[in-house]
Amino acid sequence: MRIIFSALVCAFVWLAPAVAGTLEENVKQADSGDAGAQYNLGVMYAKGQGVPQDYAEAAKWYRLAAEQGNADGQFNLGFMYAKGEGVPQDDAEAAKWFRLAAEQGNADGQYSLGVMYAKGEGVPQDDAEAMKWFRLAAEQGLAHAQHNLGVICLEGLGVPKDYAEAMKWFYLSAEQGHAPAQHNLGVMYAQGYGVPKDDAEAYIWFVLAAISGNDRSVEARDIQGEQLDPLSRTQAQKRAKELHRKINNH
């Protein structure tokens, strides 16, 4: 049975951390026009941190921050338009705010604008433009973007196929615990794409991807494990556990 690659990850990702300061402090500063405090209030309402969760109120505060040029506010407002949370779903409006954030160097905005171009939502479908924005986010260390850049290089989406470049980006993403990239590294080693074929290394990455929650990797792990003798499989499992601890301790 042939093991297949994980495709582009075209889901929007929002991982805003808890904000600093009390509600009262942020309200006071936000009412005075402080864009950072306005953004903080948006996060608090979006997450229900110290206040009842209220997406419409979150969008209100993100907009005030975004209109002052706050890149995080611009990205989060774009995210709300993309998901239709607190505002009507509107891909064009989402792309507008993602672009404003991306042009300021916001990695989440760059990744999300890349997703819009990859899917042709809110903007014309354009693989080359998607790659441009994924690359900018990937170079800032964003794991989802690194994985997607690897897929683009692997499949030759708008660019010549380049297995070595695909390996580079999959590895950087996989080291951060990104399960689809870990799975794809396993396939690269199993098939000998961009690297010498290595059944043990393939098995290690399928084990890691399965631990990280990639359902496709569970079957791939079992198939690949059959290519190893019992001693090699045991050694590979030990190495996978060591890598898992290393990744999680970053």
Protein backbone atom coordinates (compact mmCIF):
# COMPACT_ATOMS: atom_id res chain seq x y z
CA MET A 1 0.00 0.00 0.00
CA ARG A 2 1.38 3.43 -0.98
CA ILE A 3 1.55 5.99 1.82
CA ILE A 4 0.35 9.42 0.68
CA PHE A 5 1.40 12.92 1.69
CA SER A 6 -0.53 15.35 3.85
CA ALA A 7 -1.79 18.23 1.70
CA LEU A 8 -1.68 21.99 2.24
CA VAL A 9 -3.06 23.03 5.61
CA CYS A 10 -5.58 25.69 4.63
CA ALA A 11 -7.20 26.29 7.99
CA PHE A 12 -6.93 29.63 9.74
CA VAL A 13 -5.11 29.49 13.05
CA TRP A 14 -5.78 31.78 16.02
CA LEU A 15 -3.64 31.31 19.10
CA ALA A 16 -3.85 34.64 20.90
CA PRO A 17 -2.26 34.40 24.36
CA ALA A 18 -3.89 35.69 27.51
CA VAL A 19 -3.44 39.46 27.74
CA ALA A 20 -1.79 41.49 30.45
CA GLY A 21 -3.58 43.91 32.75
CA THR A 22 -7.00 43.90 34.35
CA LEU A 23 -10.24 44.60 32.55
CA GLU A 24 -10.51 47.98 34.26
CA GLU A 25 -6.96 48.96 33.26
CA ASN A 26 -7.49 47.98 29.64
CA VAL A 27 -10.89 49.72 29.43
CA LYS A 28 -9.40 52.94 30.78
CA GLN A 29 -6.49 52.87 28.35
CA ALA A 30 -8.65 51.74 25.41
CA ASP A 31 -11.12 54.56 25.98
CA SER A 32 -8.14 56.93 25.83
CA GLY A 33 -7.33 55.58 22.36
CA ASP A 34 -4.51 53.18 23.23
CA ALA A 35 -4.43 50.65 20.36
CA GLY A 36 -2.66 47.99 22.42
CA ALA A 37 -5.34 48.14 25.11
CA GLN A 38 -8.07 48.05 22.45
CA TYR A 39 -6.49 44.90 21.05
CA ASN A 40 -6.27 43.44 24.56
CA LEU A 41 -9.98 44.04 25.10
CA GLY A 42 -10.70 42.30 21.81
CA VAL A 43 -8.79 39.24 22.99
CA MET A 44 -10.52 39.29 26.36
CA TYR A 45 -13.98 39.33 24.78
CA ALA A 46 -13.03 36.74 22.14
CA LYS A 47 -11.66 34.34 24.77
CA GLY A 48 -14.07 35.21 27.57
CA GLN A 49 -11.12 36.24 29.73
CA GLY A 50 -12.55 38.12 32.72
CA VAL A 51 -15.71 38.96 30.76
CA PRO A 52 -18.51 36.96 29.14
CA GLN A 53 -17.40 35.79 25.69
CA ASP A 54 -18.80 38.20 23.11
CA TYR A 55 -17.51 38.02 19.52
CA ALA A 56 -19.31 41.19 18.44
CA GLU A 57 -17.68 43.15 21.24
CA ALA A 58 -14.33 41.56 20.39
CA ALA A 59 -14.71 42.65 16.75
CA LYS A 60 -15.54 46.19 17.87
CA TRP A 61 -12.30 46.51 19.84
CA TYR A 62 -10.18 44.76 17.22
CA ARG A 63 -11.50 47.21 14.63
CA LEU A 64 -10.58 50.22 16.76
CA ALA A 65 -7.06 48.84 17.19
CA ALA A 66 -6.80 47.80 13.54
CA GLU A 67 -7.83 51.22 12.27
CA GLN A 68 -4.91 52.67 14.21
CA GLY A 69 -2.55 50.30 12.44
CA ASN A 70 -2.20 47.66 15.16
CA ALA A 71 -1.07 44.57 13.21
CA ASP A 72 -2.39 42.03 15.73
CA GLY A 73 -5.76 43.80 15.71
CA GLN A 74 -5.77 43.73 11.91
CA PHE A 75 -5.02 40.01 11.84
CA ASN A 76 -7.64 39.17 14.46
CA LEU A 77 -10.28 41.27 12.72
CA GLY A 78 -9.46 39.46 9.49
CA PHE A 79 -9.80 36.15 11.30
CA MET A 80 -13.27 37.12 12.54
CA TYR A 81 -14.37 38.01 9.01
CA ALA A 82 -12.94 34.74 7.71
CA LYS A 83 -14.85 32.74 10.32
CA GLY A 84 -17.95 34.92 10.51
CA GLU A 85 -17.58 35.45 14.25
CA GLY A 86 -19.00 38.71 15.57
CA VAL A 87 -19.27 40.05 12.01
CA PRO A 88 -20.84 38.70 8.79
CA GLN A 89 -18.56 36.20 7.06
CA ASP A 90 -16.76 38.09 4.30
CA ASP A 91 -13.69 36.66 2.53
CA ALA A 92 -12.83 39.91 0.77
CA GLU A 93 -12.89 41.83 4.04
CA ALA A 94 -10.83 39.09 5.70
CA ALA A 95 -8.22 39.30 2.94
CA LYS A 96 -8.11 43.10 3.29
CA TRP A 97 -7.25 42.95 6.98
CA PHE A 98 -4.89 39.99 6.61
CA ARG A 99 -3.01 41.96 3.95
CA LEU A 100 -2.69 45.03 6.15
CA ALA A 101 -1.28 42.89 8.96
CA ALA A 102 0.94 40.92 6.58
CA GLU A 103 2.44 44.06 5.07
CA GLN A 104 3.55 45.05 8.56
CA GLY A 105 5.38 41.74 8.94
CA ASN A 106 2.74 39.95 11.03
CA ALA A 107 3.47 36.25 10.46
CA ASP A 108 -0.09 35.11 11.18
CA GLY A 109 -1.38 37.66 8.68
CA GLN A 110 1.15 36.49 6.10
CA TYR A 111 0.19 32.84 6.58
CA SER A 112 -3.53 33.63 6.43
CA LEU A 113 -3.16 35.73 3.29
CA GLY A 114 -1.28 32.80 1.78
CA VAL A 115 -4.25 30.57 2.64
CA MET A 116 -6.61 33.00 0.90
CA TYR A 117 -4.49 32.92 -2.28
CA ALA A 118 -4.11 29.13 -2.13
CA LYS A 119 -7.88 28.67 -1.89
CA GLY A 120 -8.92 31.62 -4.05
CA GLU A 121 -11.12 33.06 -1.33
CA GLY A 122 -11.44 36.85 -1.20
CA VAL A 123 -8.65 37.10 -3.78
CA PRO A 124 -8.00 35.38 -7.14
CA GLN A 125 -6.45 31.92 -6.73
CA ASP A 126 -2.70 32.32 -7.23
CA ASP A 127 -0.17 29.64 -6.20
CA ALA A 128 2.81 31.94 -6.69
CA GLU A 129 1.28 34.61 -4.48
CA ALA A 130 0.39 31.98 -1.88
CA MET A 131 4.00 30.81 -1.87
CA LYS A 132 5.25 34.38 -1.45
CA TRP A 133 3.22 34.91 1.71
CA PHE A 134 3.83 31.41 3.11
CA ARG A 135 7.57 31.96 2.62
CA LEU A 136 7.52 35.27 4.52
CA ALA A 137 5.67 33.63 7.42
CA ALA A 138 7.86 30.50 7.26
CA GLU A 139 11.01 32.59 7.48
CA GLN A 140 9.64 33.97 10.75
CA GLY A 141 9.32 30.42 12.08
CA LEU A 142 5.57 29.81 11.70
CA ALA A 143 5.19 26.02 11.57
CA HIS A 144 1.96 25.96 9.51
CA ALA A 145 3.56 28.17 6.88
CA GLN A 146 6.74 26.10 6.82
CA HIS A 147 4.68 22.96 6.18
CA ASN A 148 2.69 24.62 3.41
CA LEU A 149 5.84 25.93 1.76
CA GLY A 150 7.17 22.37 1.83
CA VAL A 151 4.01 21.10 0.10
CA ILE A 152 4.28 23.80 -2.58
CA CYS A 153 7.91 22.83 -3.27
CA LEU A 154 7.02 19.12 -3.23
CA GLU A 155 4.11 19.40 -5.64
CA GLY A 156 5.46 22.23 -7.80
CA LEU A 157 2.51 24.53 -7.21
CA GLY A 158 3.43 27.63 -9.20
CA VAL A 159 7.13 26.77 -8.91
CA PRO A 160 9.42 23.96 -10.13
CA LYS A 161 9.35 20.87 -7.94
CA ASP A 162 12.21 20.86 -5.45
CA TYR A 163 12.35 17.89 -3.10
CA ALA A 164 15.40 19.17 -1.22
CA GLU A 165 13.66 22.48 -0.50
CA ALA A 166 10.52 20.61 0.54
CA MET A 167 12.57 18.52 2.98
CA LYS A 168 14.09 21.66 4.48
CA TRP A 169 10.72 23.24 5.26
CA PHE A 170 9.06 20.01 6.41
CA TYR A 171 11.94 19.47 8.83
CA LEU A 172 11.74 22.97 10.29
CA SER A 173 7.98 22.58 10.79
CA ALA A 174 8.25 19.02 12.13
CA GLU A 175 10.80 20.11 14.74
CA GLN A 176 8.09 22.38 16.15
CA GLY A 177 5.70 19.43 16.52
CA HIS A 178 3.56 20.11 13.44
CA ALA A 179 1.98 16.70 12.75
CA PRO A 180 1.32 17.03 8.97
CA ALA A 181 4.96 18.02 8.43
CA GLN A 182 6.14 15.10 10.54
CA HIS A 183 3.98 12.79 8.44
CA ASN A 184 5.37 14.23 5.22
CA LEU A 185 8.94 13.77 6.43
CA GLY A 186 8.07 10.13 6.96
CA VAL A 187 6.82 9.84 3.39
CA MET A 188 9.94 11.58 2.04
CA TYR A 189 12.19 9.09 3.82
CA ALA A 190 9.97 6.13 2.89
CA GLN A 191 9.99 7.05 -0.81
CA GLY A 192 13.50 8.51 -1.02
CA TYR A 193 12.35 11.95 -2.15
CA GLY A 194 15.07 14.55 -1.58
CA VAL A 195 16.95 12.18 0.75
CA PRO A 196 18.25 8.60 0.56
CA LYS A 197 15.48 6.09 1.30
CA ASP A 198 15.56 5.24 5.00
CA ASP A 199 12.88 2.95 6.42
CA ALA A 200 13.89 3.51 10.05
CA GLU A 201 13.87 7.31 9.74
CA ALA A 202 10.50 7.14 7.98
CA TYR A 203 9.10 5.02 10.80
CA ILE A 204 10.40 7.49 13.43
CA TRP A 205 8.58 10.42 11.83
CA PHE A 206 5.35 8.45 11.37
CA VAL A 207 5.49 7.52 15.06
CA LEU A 208 5.94 11.19 15.99
CA ALA A 209 3.12 12.32 13.71
CA ALA A 210 0.80 9.68 15.15
CA ILE A 211 1.64 10.83 18.70
CA SER A 212 0.92 14.41 17.58
CA GLY A 213 -2.58 13.38 16.52
CA ASN A 214 -2.32 12.79 12.77
CA ASP A 215 -4.76 9.93 12.11
CA ARG A 216 -3.29 9.15 8.69
CA SER A 217 0.07 8.51 10.32
CA VAL A 218 -1.21 5.66 12.50
CA GLU A 219 -1.70 3.41 9.48
CA ALA A 220 1.51 4.70 7.87
CA ARG A 221 3.43 3.90 11.08
CA ASP A 222 2.13 0.33 11.10
CA ILE A 223 2.87 -0.19 7.40
CA GLN A 224 6.36 1.26 7.73
CA GLY A 225 7.05 -0.74 10.88
CA GLU A 226 6.64 -3.94 8.88
CA GLN A 227 9.70 -2.92 6.84
CA LEU A 228 11.91 -3.15 9.94
CA ASP A 229 13.22 -6.13 11.86
CA PRO A 230 12.25 -6.25 15.55
CA LEU A 231 15.57 -4.80 16.80
CA SER A 232 15.54 -1.93 14.30
CA ARG A 233 11.90 -1.18 15.15
CA THR A 234 12.68 -1.08 18.88
CA GLN A 235 15.64 1.25 18.30
CA ALA A 236 13.51 3.50 16.12
CA GLN A 237 10.78 3.66 18.76
CA LYS A 238 13.39 4.68 21.35
CA ARG A 239 14.67 7.42 19.04
CA ALA A 240 11.10 8.63 18.40
CA LYS A 241 10.49 8.95 22.14
CA GLU A 242 13.71 10.97 22.53
CA LEU A 243 12.72 13.30 19.69
CA HIS A 244 9.21 13.70 21.11
CA ARG A 245 10.63 14.78 24.48
CA LYS A 246 13.06 17.17 22.77
CA ILE A 247 10.31 18.77 20.66
CA ASN A 248 7.95 19.16 23.62
CA ASN A 249 10.66 20.72 25.77
CA HIS A 250 11.28 23.55 23.29
